[in-house]
Amino acid sequence: MPHINTKIADFDYTQSQWFKSAMDGKRQWSDAYVSESGMGILLCTYSVPIKDFNGRTVAVFLADVTMEDATVLLNNMHSGFRKSAIFTFVIQIISFLLMGFIIWRAVQASRRYKEEMVDPEKENLIEQVQKLREVNGRLTKRNQELAEKVAELQRRIAAGPQQSDQHWFG
């Protein structure tokens, strides 16, 4: 840990949980507490780590928020929730319609490309080549089977007629 001046007005903030959590790379809200200024203000502290280019935490940014301000913020958020929910819904509908339009345009462009750029003769030749490959595969398999039968017949001829094979050479 780098050198840290830990004494500010006789308060060692390095021992506070908000500081330790931020130095560990975590953002954190503290529990509510009464300020030590003697004014009896109820506060919460929000702390955020500040990192260098290597990802190391080098400082801590914090903000003390009075509970009065937090209450006002929460009330504003709650009353604005309906407005933001409607706004979010409208944005989602617009996004959905935009995606549909983009997909429709892509399908139309694909059809135009196929109509304009694809040569029917070339497509027919491709189909014929695929059929010829299938026929060639079947013929190759059949030729292999026949070659195995010829090899078997050659082995039998080389071995001569056998007693058990009555139909051999008639």
N, C-alpha and C. Protein backbone atom coordinates (compact mmCIF):
# COMPACT_ATOMS: atom_id res chain seq x y z
N MET A 1 0.86 -1.18 0.00
CA MET A 1 0.00 0.00 0.00
C MET A 1 0.90 1.23 0.00
N PRO A 2 0.57 2.25 -0.80
CA PRO A 2 1.39 3.46 -0.84
C PRO A 2 1.30 4.22 0.48
N HIS A 3 2.21 5.16 0.66
CA HIS A 3 2.20 5.97 1.88
C HIS A 3 0.92 6.79 1.94
N ILE A 4 0.25 6.72 3.07
CA ILE A 4 -1.01 7.43 3.23
C ILE A 4 -0.92 8.29 4.49
N ASN A 5 -1.26 9.56 4.34
CA ASN A 5 -1.35 10.43 5.50
C ASN A 5 -2.64 10.08 6.21
N THR A 6 -2.53 9.42 7.35
CA THR A 6 -3.72 8.88 8.02
C THR A 6 -4.30 9.81 9.06
N LYS A 7 -3.70 10.92 9.30
CA LYS A 7 -4.22 11.80 10.35
C LYS A 7 -4.76 13.08 9.74
N ILE A 8 -6.06 13.21 9.73
CA ILE A 8 -6.71 14.45 9.34
C ILE A 8 -7.63 14.80 10.50
N ALA A 9 -7.30 15.84 11.17
CA ALA A 9 -8.10 16.30 12.32
C ALA A 9 -8.28 15.18 13.33
N ASP A 10 -7.20 14.49 13.63
CA ASP A 10 -7.20 13.41 14.62
C ASP A 10 -8.20 12.30 14.32
N PHE A 11 -8.42 12.02 13.03
CA PHE A 11 -9.32 10.94 12.64
C PHE A 11 -8.58 10.02 11.68
N ASP A 12 -8.41 8.76 12.06
CA ASP A 12 -7.71 7.78 11.22
C ASP A 12 -8.74 7.07 10.34
N TYR A 13 -8.96 7.61 9.16
CA TYR A 13 -9.99 7.07 8.26
C TYR A 13 -9.59 5.72 7.66
N THR A 14 -8.29 5.35 7.73
CA THR A 14 -7.88 4.07 7.15
C THR A 14 -8.46 2.89 7.94
N GLN A 15 -8.97 3.14 9.12
CA GLN A 15 -9.58 2.08 9.91
C GLN A 15 -11.09 1.95 9.66
N SER A 16 -11.63 2.88 8.88
CA SER A 16 -13.07 2.85 8.59
C SER A 16 -13.37 1.78 7.54
N GLN A 17 -14.53 1.17 7.68
CA GLN A 17 -14.92 0.10 6.76
C GLN A 17 -15.09 0.63 5.34
N TRP A 18 -15.61 1.85 5.18
CA TRP A 18 -15.79 2.40 3.84
C TRP A 18 -14.45 2.55 3.12
N PHE A 19 -13.40 2.90 3.86
CA PHE A 19 -12.07 3.05 3.26
C PHE A 19 -11.48 1.68 2.91
N LYS A 20 -11.57 0.73 3.84
CA LYS A 20 -11.02 -0.61 3.60
C LYS A 20 -11.70 -1.28 2.40
N SER A 21 -13.03 -1.15 2.31
CA SER A 21 -13.75 -1.77 1.19
C SER A 21 -13.34 -1.13 -0.13
N ALA A 22 -13.22 0.20 -0.15
CA ALA A 22 -12.83 0.88 -1.38
C ALA A 22 -11.40 0.51 -1.78
N MET A 23 -10.51 0.36 -0.81
CA MET A 23 -9.13 -0.04 -1.12
C MET A 23 -9.09 -1.47 -1.65
N ASP A 24 -10.08 -2.28 -1.29
CA ASP A 24 -10.19 -3.65 -1.82
C ASP A 24 -10.88 -3.65 -3.18
N GLY A 25 -11.24 -2.44 -3.71
CA GLY A 25 -11.83 -2.34 -5.03
C GLY A 25 -13.34 -2.37 -5.05
N LYS A 26 -13.99 -2.22 -3.90
CA LYS A 26 -15.45 -2.30 -3.84
C LYS A 26 -16.06 -0.93 -3.57
N ARG A 27 -17.18 -0.67 -4.21
CA ARG A 27 -17.98 0.51 -3.89
C ARG A 27 -18.85 0.16 -2.70
N GLN A 28 -19.11 1.12 -1.83
CA GLN A 28 -19.88 0.75 -0.64
C GLN A 28 -20.61 1.95 -0.05
N TRP A 29 -21.82 1.68 0.42
CA TRP A 29 -22.56 2.62 1.26
C TRP A 29 -22.32 2.20 2.70
N SER A 30 -22.02 3.16 3.56
CA SER A 30 -21.86 2.83 4.98
C SER A 30 -23.23 2.78 5.64
N ASP A 31 -23.26 2.24 6.85
CA ASP A 31 -24.48 2.32 7.64
C ASP A 31 -24.67 3.78 8.06
N ALA A 32 -25.89 4.12 8.42
CA ALA A 32 -26.15 5.48 8.88
C ALA A 32 -25.44 5.70 10.23
N TYR A 33 -24.93 6.90 10.38
CA TYR A 33 -24.24 7.25 11.64
C TYR A 33 -24.43 8.73 11.92
N VAL A 34 -24.20 9.11 13.17
CA VAL A 34 -24.30 10.51 13.57
C VAL A 34 -22.93 11.13 13.39
N SER A 35 -22.89 12.29 12.73
CA SER A 35 -21.61 12.94 12.45
C SER A 35 -20.90 13.28 13.76
N GLU A 36 -19.58 13.26 13.70
CA GLU A 36 -18.78 13.55 14.88
C GLU A 36 -18.48 15.04 15.00
N SER A 37 -19.14 15.84 14.18
CA SER A 37 -18.89 17.28 14.21
C SER A 37 -19.57 17.96 15.38
N GLY A 38 -20.40 17.23 16.09
CA GLY A 38 -21.10 17.81 17.22
C GLY A 38 -22.43 18.40 16.85
N MET A 39 -22.80 18.33 15.59
CA MET A 39 -24.07 18.91 15.15
C MET A 39 -25.19 17.88 15.14
N GLY A 40 -24.88 16.62 15.34
CA GLY A 40 -25.90 15.57 15.41
C GLY A 40 -26.58 15.28 14.10
N ILE A 41 -25.87 15.41 12.99
CA ILE A 41 -26.44 15.16 11.66
C ILE A 41 -26.33 13.67 11.36
N LEU A 42 -27.41 13.09 10.87
CA LEU A 42 -27.42 11.68 10.49
C LEU A 42 -26.91 11.57 9.06
N LEU A 43 -25.84 10.76 8.84
CA LEU A 43 -25.17 10.67 7.55
C LEU A 43 -25.03 9.22 7.09
N CYS A 44 -24.75 9.08 5.80
CA CYS A 44 -24.27 7.84 5.18
C CYS A 44 -23.08 8.24 4.32
N THR A 45 -22.09 7.36 4.21
CA THR A 45 -20.93 7.64 3.37
C THR A 45 -20.92 6.66 2.21
N TYR A 46 -20.71 7.20 1.02
CA TYR A 46 -20.56 6.36 -0.17
C TYR A 46 -19.11 6.47 -0.60
N SER A 47 -18.44 5.34 -0.74
CA SER A 47 -17.02 5.36 -1.10
C SER A 47 -16.81 4.57 -2.39
N VAL A 48 -15.89 5.08 -3.22
CA VAL A 48 -15.59 4.49 -4.52
C VAL A 48 -14.07 4.42 -4.67
N PRO A 49 -13.53 3.27 -5.13
CA PRO A 49 -12.09 3.20 -5.36
C PRO A 49 -11.71 3.98 -6.61
N ILE A 50 -10.55 4.59 -6.59
CA ILE A 50 -10.00 5.26 -7.77
C ILE A 50 -8.77 4.46 -8.16
N LYS A 51 -8.75 4.00 -9.40
CA LYS A 51 -7.69 3.09 -9.85
C LYS A 51 -6.79 3.76 -10.87
N ASP A 52 -5.52 3.29 -10.91
CA ASP A 52 -4.58 3.79 -11.91
C ASP A 52 -4.72 2.96 -13.19
N PHE A 53 -3.86 3.21 -14.16
CA PHE A 53 -3.97 2.52 -15.44
C PHE A 53 -3.67 1.03 -15.33
N ASN A 54 -3.02 0.61 -14.27
CA ASN A 54 -2.71 -0.81 -14.07
C ASN A 54 -3.80 -1.52 -13.29
N GLY A 55 -4.86 -0.80 -12.93
CA GLY A 55 -5.96 -1.43 -12.20
C GLY A 55 -5.76 -1.45 -10.70
N ARG A 56 -4.71 -0.82 -10.19
CA ARG A 56 -4.47 -0.79 -8.75
C ARG A 56 -5.26 0.36 -8.13
N THR A 57 -5.85 0.13 -6.96
CA THR A 57 -6.54 1.19 -6.25
C THR A 57 -5.51 2.12 -5.64
N VAL A 58 -5.57 3.39 -6.00
CA VAL A 58 -4.58 4.36 -5.52
C VAL A 58 -5.20 5.43 -4.63
N ALA A 59 -6.53 5.54 -4.63
CA ALA A 59 -7.18 6.55 -3.81
C ALA A 59 -8.62 6.13 -3.59
N VAL A 60 -9.28 6.86 -2.70
CA VAL A 60 -10.68 6.59 -2.41
C VAL A 60 -11.43 7.91 -2.51
N PHE A 61 -12.51 7.89 -3.29
CA PHE A 61 -13.40 9.04 -3.38
C PHE A 61 -14.59 8.74 -2.49
N LEU A 62 -15.01 9.73 -1.69
CA LEU A 62 -16.17 9.49 -0.85
C LEU A 62 -17.07 10.70 -0.85
N ALA A 63 -18.32 10.42 -0.54
CA ALA A 63 -19.30 11.49 -0.40
C ALA A 63 -20.14 11.17 0.82
N ASP A 64 -20.28 12.16 1.69
CA ASP A 64 -21.18 12.03 2.84
C ASP A 64 -22.53 12.59 2.42
N VAL A 65 -23.57 11.81 2.62
CA VAL A 65 -24.92 12.22 2.26
C VAL A 65 -25.75 12.23 3.53
N THR A 66 -26.40 13.35 3.77
CA THR A 66 -27.26 13.39 4.95
C THR A 66 -28.48 12.53 4.70
N MET A 67 -29.02 11.97 5.74
CA MET A 67 -30.20 11.12 5.60
C MET A 67 -31.39 11.95 5.14
N GLU A 68 -31.40 13.24 5.48
CA GLU A 68 -32.46 14.12 4.99
C GLU A 68 -32.40 14.23 3.47
N ASP A 69 -31.19 14.42 2.93
CA ASP A 69 -31.04 14.47 1.47
C ASP A 69 -31.38 13.14 0.83
N ALA A 70 -30.97 12.04 1.46
CA ALA A 70 -31.27 10.72 0.92
C ALA A 70 -32.77 10.48 0.89
N THR A 71 -33.47 10.94 1.91
CA THR A 71 -34.93 10.78 1.95
C THR A 71 -35.58 11.57 0.82
N VAL A 72 -35.12 12.80 0.60
CA VAL A 72 -35.66 13.61 -0.50
C VAL A 72 -35.40 12.92 -1.84
N LEU A 73 -34.17 12.41 -2.01
CA LEU A 73 -33.84 11.71 -3.26
C LEU A 73 -34.73 10.49 -3.47
N LEU A 74 -34.93 9.72 -2.41
CA LEU A 74 -35.77 8.52 -2.53
C LEU A 74 -37.21 8.90 -2.86
N ASN A 75 -37.72 9.94 -2.23
CA ASN A 75 -39.09 10.38 -2.54
C ASN A 75 -39.20 10.83 -3.99
N ASN A 76 -38.20 11.57 -4.47
CA ASN A 76 -38.22 12.01 -5.87
C ASN A 76 -38.13 10.82 -6.82
N MET A 77 -37.30 9.84 -6.46
CA MET A 77 -37.18 8.65 -7.31
C MET A 77 -38.51 7.90 -7.35
N HIS A 78 -39.15 7.79 -6.19
CA HIS A 78 -40.41 7.05 -6.12
C HIS A 78 -41.49 7.74 -6.93
N SER A 79 -41.60 9.07 -6.83
CA SER A 79 -42.63 9.78 -7.57
C SER A 79 -42.32 9.80 -9.07
N GLY A 80 -41.05 9.78 -9.42
CA GLY A 80 -40.67 9.78 -10.83
C GLY A 80 -40.65 8.40 -11.45
N PHE A 81 -40.91 7.37 -10.64
CA PHE A 81 -40.84 6.00 -11.15
C PHE A 81 -41.85 5.76 -12.27
N ARG A 82 -43.09 6.23 -12.08
CA ARG A 82 -44.10 6.01 -13.11
C ARG A 82 -43.70 6.68 -14.42
N LYS A 83 -43.20 7.90 -14.32
CA LYS A 83 -42.80 8.61 -15.53
C LYS A 83 -41.66 7.87 -16.22
N SER A 84 -40.68 7.40 -15.44
CA SER A 84 -39.55 6.71 -16.07
C SER A 84 -39.96 5.35 -16.60
N ALA A 85 -40.92 4.68 -15.94
CA ALA A 85 -41.39 3.38 -16.43
C ALA A 85 -42.09 3.54 -17.78
N ILE A 86 -42.92 4.58 -17.90
CA ILE A 86 -43.61 4.83 -19.17
C ILE A 86 -42.59 5.19 -20.25
N PHE A 87 -41.64 6.02 -19.90
CA PHE A 87 -40.60 6.41 -20.86
C PHE A 87 -39.80 5.18 -21.31
N THR A 88 -39.44 4.32 -20.37
CA THR A 88 -38.70 3.10 -20.71
C THR A 88 -39.53 2.20 -21.62
N PHE A 89 -40.82 2.08 -21.34
CA PHE A 89 -41.70 1.25 -22.16
C PHE A 89 -41.77 1.80 -23.59
N VAL A 90 -41.90 3.11 -23.72
CA VAL A 90 -41.96 3.73 -25.05
C VAL A 90 -40.66 3.49 -25.80
N ILE A 91 -39.53 3.64 -25.12
CA ILE A 91 -38.23 3.40 -25.76
C ILE A 91 -38.13 1.94 -26.21
N GLN A 92 -38.60 1.01 -25.39
CA GLN A 92 -38.55 -0.40 -25.77
C GLN A 92 -39.42 -0.69 -26.99
N ILE A 93 -40.60 -0.09 -27.04
CA ILE A 93 -41.49 -0.29 -28.20
C ILE A 93 -40.84 0.27 -29.46
N ILE A 94 -40.27 1.46 -29.36
CA ILE A 94 -39.60 2.06 -30.51
C ILE A 94 -38.43 1.18 -30.95
N SER A 95 -37.67 0.67 -30.00
CA SER A 95 -36.54 -0.21 -30.33
C SER A 95 -37.02 -1.47 -31.03
N PHE A 96 -38.11 -2.05 -30.54
CA PHE A 96 -38.68 -3.25 -31.14
C PHE A 96 -39.11 -2.98 -32.58
N LEU A 97 -39.80 -1.87 -32.79
CA LEU A 97 -40.23 -1.52 -34.14
C LEU A 97 -39.03 -1.26 -35.06
N LEU A 98 -38.01 -0.61 -34.54
CA LEU A 98 -36.82 -0.34 -35.33
C LEU A 98 -36.11 -1.64 -35.71
N MET A 99 -36.02 -2.58 -34.77
CA MET A 99 -35.40 -3.88 -35.08
C MET A 99 -36.21 -4.61 -36.15
N GLY A 100 -37.54 -4.58 -36.03
CA GLY A 100 -38.39 -5.21 -37.03
C GLY A 100 -38.17 -4.60 -38.41
N PHE A 101 -38.08 -3.28 -38.47
CA PHE A 101 -37.84 -2.59 -39.73
C PHE A 101 -36.50 -2.99 -40.33
N ILE A 102 -35.47 -3.06 -39.49
CA ILE A 102 -34.13 -3.43 -39.98
C ILE A 102 -34.15 -4.86 -40.52
N ILE A 103 -34.80 -5.77 -39.82
CA ILE A 103 -34.87 -7.17 -40.28
C ILE A 103 -35.65 -7.24 -41.59
N TRP A 104 -36.77 -6.53 -41.68
CA TRP A 104 -37.56 -6.52 -42.90
C TRP A 104 -36.73 -6.01 -44.08
N ARG A 105 -35.98 -4.92 -43.88
CA ARG A 105 -35.13 -4.37 -44.94
C ARG A 105 -34.04 -5.37 -45.34
N ALA A 106 -33.47 -6.08 -44.37
CA ALA A 106 -32.43 -7.07 -44.69
C ALA A 106 -33.00 -8.20 -45.53
N VAL A 107 -34.21 -8.66 -45.20
CA VAL A 107 -34.85 -9.73 -45.98
C VAL A 107 -35.13 -9.24 -47.39
N GLN A 108 -35.64 -8.02 -47.53
CA GLN A 108 -35.91 -7.46 -48.85
C GLN A 108 -34.63 -7.35 -49.68
N ALA A 109 -33.56 -6.88 -49.06
CA ALA A 109 -32.29 -6.74 -49.76
C ALA A 109 -31.77 -8.11 -50.19
N SER A 110 -31.93 -9.10 -49.35
CA SER A 110 -31.48 -10.45 -49.68
C SER A 110 -32.26 -11.00 -50.89
N ARG A 111 -33.56 -10.77 -50.90
CA ARG A 111 -34.37 -11.24 -52.03
C ARG A 111 -33.97 -10.53 -53.32
N ARG A 112 -33.76 -9.21 -53.24
CA ARG A 112 -33.34 -8.47 -54.44
C ARG A 112 -31.99 -8.98 -54.94
N TYR A 113 -31.08 -9.23 -54.03
CA TYR A 113 -29.77 -9.72 -54.42
C TYR A 113 -29.90 -11.06 -55.14
N LYS A 114 -30.72 -11.94 -54.58
CA LYS A 114 -30.89 -13.25 -55.19
C LYS A 114 -31.51 -13.11 -56.58
N GLU A 115 -32.49 -12.24 -56.71
CA GLU A 115 -33.14 -12.05 -58.01
C GLU A 115 -32.21 -11.42 -59.03
N GLU A 116 -31.38 -10.47 -58.59
CA GLU A 116 -30.54 -9.73 -59.52
C GLU A 116 -29.20 -10.40 -59.77
N MET A 117 -28.64 -11.02 -58.77
CA MET A 117 -27.26 -11.47 -58.86
C MET A 117 -27.09 -12.98 -59.09
N VAL A 118 -28.08 -13.77 -58.78
CA VAL A 118 -27.93 -15.21 -58.90
C VAL A 118 -28.31 -15.64 -60.32
N ASP A 119 -27.40 -16.31 -60.97
CA ASP A 119 -27.59 -16.79 -62.34
C ASP A 119 -28.32 -18.13 -62.28
N PRO A 120 -29.51 -18.22 -62.92
CA PRO A 120 -30.27 -19.48 -62.87
C PRO A 120 -29.50 -20.65 -63.47
N GLU A 121 -28.72 -20.40 -64.54
CA GLU A 121 -27.95 -21.48 -65.14
C GLU A 121 -26.89 -21.99 -64.16
N LYS A 122 -26.27 -21.07 -63.47
CA LYS A 122 -25.25 -21.45 -62.48
C LYS A 122 -25.90 -22.27 -61.37
N GLU A 123 -27.07 -21.85 -60.91
CA GLU A 123 -27.77 -22.60 -59.87
C GLU A 123 -28.11 -24.00 -60.36
N ASN A 124 -28.55 -24.13 -61.63
CA ASN A 124 -28.87 -25.43 -62.21
C ASN A 124 -27.62 -26.31 -62.28
N LEU A 125 -26.50 -25.72 -62.70
CA LEU A 125 -25.24 -26.47 -62.76
C LEU A 125 -24.82 -26.94 -61.38
N ILE A 126 -24.98 -26.10 -60.37
CA ILE A 126 -24.61 -26.49 -59.01
C ILE A 126 -25.45 -27.68 -58.55
N GLU A 127 -26.75 -27.66 -58.84
CA GLU A 127 -27.61 -28.78 -58.49
C GLU A 127 -27.18 -30.05 -59.21
N GLN A 128 -26.85 -29.95 -60.51
CA GLN A 128 -26.42 -31.11 -61.27
C GLN A 128 -25.10 -31.67 -60.74
N VAL A 129 -24.18 -30.79 -60.37
CA VAL A 129 -22.91 -31.24 -59.81
C VAL A 129 -23.14 -31.98 -58.50
N GLN A 130 -24.06 -31.48 -57.66
CA GLN A 130 -24.37 -32.16 -56.41
C GLN A 130 -24.94 -33.56 -56.67
N LYS A 131 -25.83 -33.67 -57.66
CA LYS A 131 -26.40 -34.97 -58.00
C LYS A 131 -25.32 -35.90 -58.52
N LEU A 132 -24.42 -35.40 -59.39
CA LEU A 132 -23.33 -36.23 -59.90
C LEU A 132 -22.41 -36.71 -58.79
N ARG A 133 -22.17 -35.86 -57.81
CA ARG A 133 -21.34 -36.28 -56.67
C ARG A 133 -22.00 -37.41 -55.90
N GLU A 134 -23.32 -37.33 -55.73
CA GLU A 134 -24.04 -38.40 -55.04
C GLU A 134 -23.94 -39.70 -55.83
N VAL A 135 -24.16 -39.64 -57.16
CA VAL A 135 -24.07 -40.83 -58.02
C VAL A 135 -22.65 -41.38 -57.98
N ASN A 136 -21.66 -40.51 -58.05
CA ASN A 136 -20.27 -40.93 -58.01
C ASN A 136 -19.96 -41.65 -56.70
N GLY A 137 -20.50 -41.15 -55.61
CA GLY A 137 -20.29 -41.80 -54.31
C GLY A 137 -20.89 -43.20 -54.29
N ARG A 138 -22.10 -43.34 -54.83
CA ARG A 138 -22.72 -44.67 -54.88
C ARG A 138 -21.94 -45.62 -55.78
N LEU A 139 -21.47 -45.13 -56.96
CA LEU A 139 -20.70 -45.97 -57.87
C LEU A 139 -19.36 -46.38 -57.25
N THR A 140 -18.74 -45.46 -56.55
CA THR A 140 -17.48 -45.78 -55.89
C THR A 140 -17.68 -46.88 -54.86
N LYS A 141 -18.75 -46.79 -54.09
CA LYS A 141 -19.04 -47.83 -53.10
C LYS A 141 -19.29 -49.17 -53.80
N ARG A 142 -20.05 -49.15 -54.88
CA ARG A 142 -20.35 -50.38 -55.62
C ARG A 142 -19.07 -50.98 -56.22
N ASN A 143 -18.19 -50.13 -56.75
CA ASN A 143 -16.91 -50.60 -57.30
C ASN A 143 -16.06 -51.25 -56.21
N GLN A 144 -16.07 -50.69 -55.03
CA GLN A 144 -15.31 -51.28 -53.94
C GLN A 144 -15.86 -52.66 -53.59
N GLU A 145 -17.19 -52.78 -53.56
CA GLU A 145 -17.80 -54.08 -53.27
C GLU A 145 -17.42 -55.10 -54.35
N LEU A 146 -17.48 -54.69 -55.61
CA LEU A 146 -17.11 -55.60 -56.69
C LEU A 146 -15.64 -55.99 -56.62
N ALA A 147 -14.77 -55.05 -56.29
CA ALA A 147 -13.34 -55.35 -56.17
C ALA A 147 -13.11 -56.36 -55.06
N GLU A 148 -13.86 -56.26 -53.97
CA GLU A 148 -13.73 -57.24 -52.89
C GLU A 148 -14.18 -58.63 -53.35
N LYS A 149 -15.25 -58.70 -54.14
CA LYS A 149 -15.73 -59.99 -54.65
C LYS A 149 -14.71 -60.59 -55.63
N VAL A 150 -14.14 -59.76 -56.50
CA VAL A 150 -13.12 -60.26 -57.44
C VAL A 150 -11.91 -60.79 -56.66
N ALA A 151 -11.50 -60.08 -55.64
CA ALA A 151 -10.36 -60.53 -54.83
C ALA A 151 -10.68 -61.87 -54.17
N GLU A 152 -11.90 -62.03 -53.69
CA GLU A 152 -12.30 -63.29 -53.07
C GLU A 152 -12.29 -64.42 -54.12
N LEU A 153 -12.80 -64.15 -55.32
CA LEU A 153 -12.78 -65.17 -56.37
C LEU A 153 -11.35 -65.55 -56.75
N GLN A 154 -10.46 -64.55 -56.80
CA GLN A 154 -9.06 -64.83 -57.13
C GLN A 154 -8.42 -65.70 -56.05
N ARG A 155 -8.75 -65.46 -54.79
CA ARG A 155 -8.22 -66.29 -53.71
C ARG A 155 -8.73 -67.73 -53.84
N ARG A 156 -10.00 -67.90 -54.19
CA ARG A 156 -10.57 -69.24 -54.33
C ARG A 156 -9.93 -69.97 -55.51
N ILE A 157 -9.71 -69.25 -56.61
CA ILE A 157 -9.09 -69.88 -57.79
C ILE A 157 -7.68 -70.31 -57.43
N ALA A 158 -6.96 -69.45 -56.73
CA ALA A 158 -5.58 -69.78 -56.36
C ALA A 158 -5.54 -70.97 -55.40
N ALA A 159 -6.55 -71.12 -54.57
CA ALA A 159 -6.58 -72.22 -53.60
C ALA A 159 -7.01 -73.52 -54.27
N GLY A 160 -7.63 -73.45 -55.40
CA GLY A 160 -8.10 -74.65 -56.09
C GLY A 160 -9.48 -75.04 -55.60
N PRO A 161 -10.08 -76.02 -56.32
CA PRO A 161 -11.43 -76.45 -55.94
C PRO A 161 -11.41 -77.08 -54.55
N GLN A 162 -12.42 -76.85 -53.83
CA GLN A 162 -12.51 -77.41 -52.48
C GLN A 162 -13.66 -78.39 -52.43
N GLN A 163 -13.53 -79.37 -51.55
CA GLN A 163 -14.53 -80.42 -51.41
C GLN A 163 -15.87 -79.85 -50.97
N SER A 164 -15.81 -78.87 -50.12
CA SER A 164 -17.06 -78.33 -49.58
C SER A 164 -17.81 -77.47 -50.56
N ASP A 165 -17.14 -77.03 -51.61
CA ASP A 165 -17.79 -76.14 -52.57
C ASP A 165 -18.16 -76.95 -53.80
N GLN A 166 -19.35 -77.53 -53.84
CA GLN A 166 -19.76 -78.44 -54.90
C GLN A 166 -20.08 -77.71 -56.19
N HIS A 167 -20.44 -76.47 -56.12
CA HIS A 167 -20.83 -75.74 -57.31
C HIS A 167 -19.67 -75.03 -57.97
N TRP A 168 -18.50 -75.15 -57.42
CA TRP A 168 -17.34 -74.47 -57.96
C TRP A 168 -16.93 -75.14 -59.25
N PHE A 169 -16.78 -74.46 -60.31
CA PHE A 169 -16.46 -74.93 -61.65
C PHE A 169 -17.43 -75.97 -62.16
N GLY A 170 -18.63 -75.92 -61.75
CA GLY A 170 -19.69 -76.74 -62.33
C GLY A 170 -19.64 -78.12 -61.87
